[in-house]
């Protein structure tokens, strides 16, 4: 599960160490090498054995999770010794499972990133009708993803653009009546559906992609804005100001870009609700009235007359590299058509000089999901006949830094995006046994849910929607980068309704994990875990993937989905 606070590109501990020059990609320690050599020896001695029962798959999950979540792997941070151990282990295990190199004759795809750190506190100053300099961290947080420094915005006009959304399929364009080029645009978080709770407007309470801060920043850049400020409110954001303050300050990581990210707006950030209210009042507007107007169709952007904004950001930039690991089973009839399973192999690493347990092992998040990739490779490789379509197993790096490994793949795909049939993502498997429910994150998105419903019914299970769709969890794991490119993407996970102990008990297990182990050193492997429920999920993912791999259908997004337009635009390539 992804409970991570949704701040910008949170820096993993181990990645920070590596970028600072403290990482070590030297030789593996003896225990890990012994495990890897034993597995390699087994793989050369015999073909992979079928693993079709829950118990056999649970054993595979235990085996690989124990290795990747061990202290030897040092928390699997990208660009560290532990990260390299993980990459080497995955290559060995995919080969042993019967899946060949997925990127030509290589299992690897390089992912170059940069760390951007403010060297002085960024400055935001309003002048004219509103004469104020909001305090960094407590009243505003701004930054820049540009690789060059300093970055400044001087004396720009300020415009309120509502929710900052352009959604042609919904007849919505907040920029229709304004030229945003060179201006500072101020906008609301989330989308009009959440604001009105009208199920006919956007997705009602459930957040759409248009409600996410990354969409808003990217759209503002497309409109030519120089500065972008989102007004934070805890309800529609789904998190408090402390998350903005903690996640958006300090080192930030983004993919390396040949243009130095010059296509993005120079300055992006947030202001508090109180700052926004004062800003609007100084411009002769009532914030609450403008917010209500922005949620109605036909809203027109409004200039904050007499107000100007200036901003300055100075940063240092350092680079590093990691790798996605890609394995594949080529299709026998239509190899260019692919089903792609994903899981992120990285976690938060370690801090060498920290007292006590200093390793964030990431056993559940996401050694379990990565182990499931290996189990799925073995399941597909041991079928009586090869799949008609290619089946790809993609273990991505730098998820914890902002889904960067999957972004790198989606923007530089090894297999054409337009003929990628579907993506199935795994991010944190159930460790407390079999459950009756399967939770669909982003419920109501695509026809992949029809496949899921049929397979779940065969397991005597039911599909349930995620309990908090307004928080936008669908946009916080690696499947999202496939969805954003138009590929129907399924993110489902075992629920809490335990077959042995009931739903209340299952909820307690989930809450205990979040409170005591999620993104903490306590997320460690336990040999007493009951992984039969996780194995049942793996069988479910396999059945969906296997069916897709051996038929000629193309699952579609449901009508009204924000990603359907991108998929429809590439329909000719699938004929």
Foldseek 3Di string as FASTA:
>chain_A
DDPDQPEFQFAFQVNVCLLVPNADQDDADDVLVVVLVVLLVVLVVDAFDAQDALVSLLVLLQVQLQNLLDCSLQQLAFNHNSVNSLQVSLQSLLVSLQWAQDQVNHQKDKFKKKKKAFPDAKWKAKDFLDGDTADDLPFKDKAFLFQDDKFKQPFAFEKEQELQDDFVLQLADSCPADQQASHEYEYEAFALLCVVLDCVQQNRLFTAPSRDPVVNQLSSLVSNHQHYEYEDDCVLQVHDSVSHSVRRHGMAMATDDPNRPPSTRGMYIYGYPVVVQSLQVSLVHGPVVLNVLSSDGPDYMGTSPGMTMMIITGIHMTMDMGIKGKTKQAAPAAALAEEEEEAESGGRGFDPPDPDLTGLSCSQFPSSQSSLLSSLSSNQSPDPDHFNYMYMYIHFHSLSSPLSRLLVCLVVPSRDLLRHQEYEYDGGAAQAAAAQEKEWQVPQWWCLVVLLQVLSVVVNHHYDYDPRSSNPVVCRGNQNSSLQLQHHYTYMYGAQQHPVPGRVVSVVVVVCCVVPRVSDSNNGDDPPTHCSNVSSVSSSVSSSNRVVRHDLDGMATDPSRSSRVSNVVSVVVSD
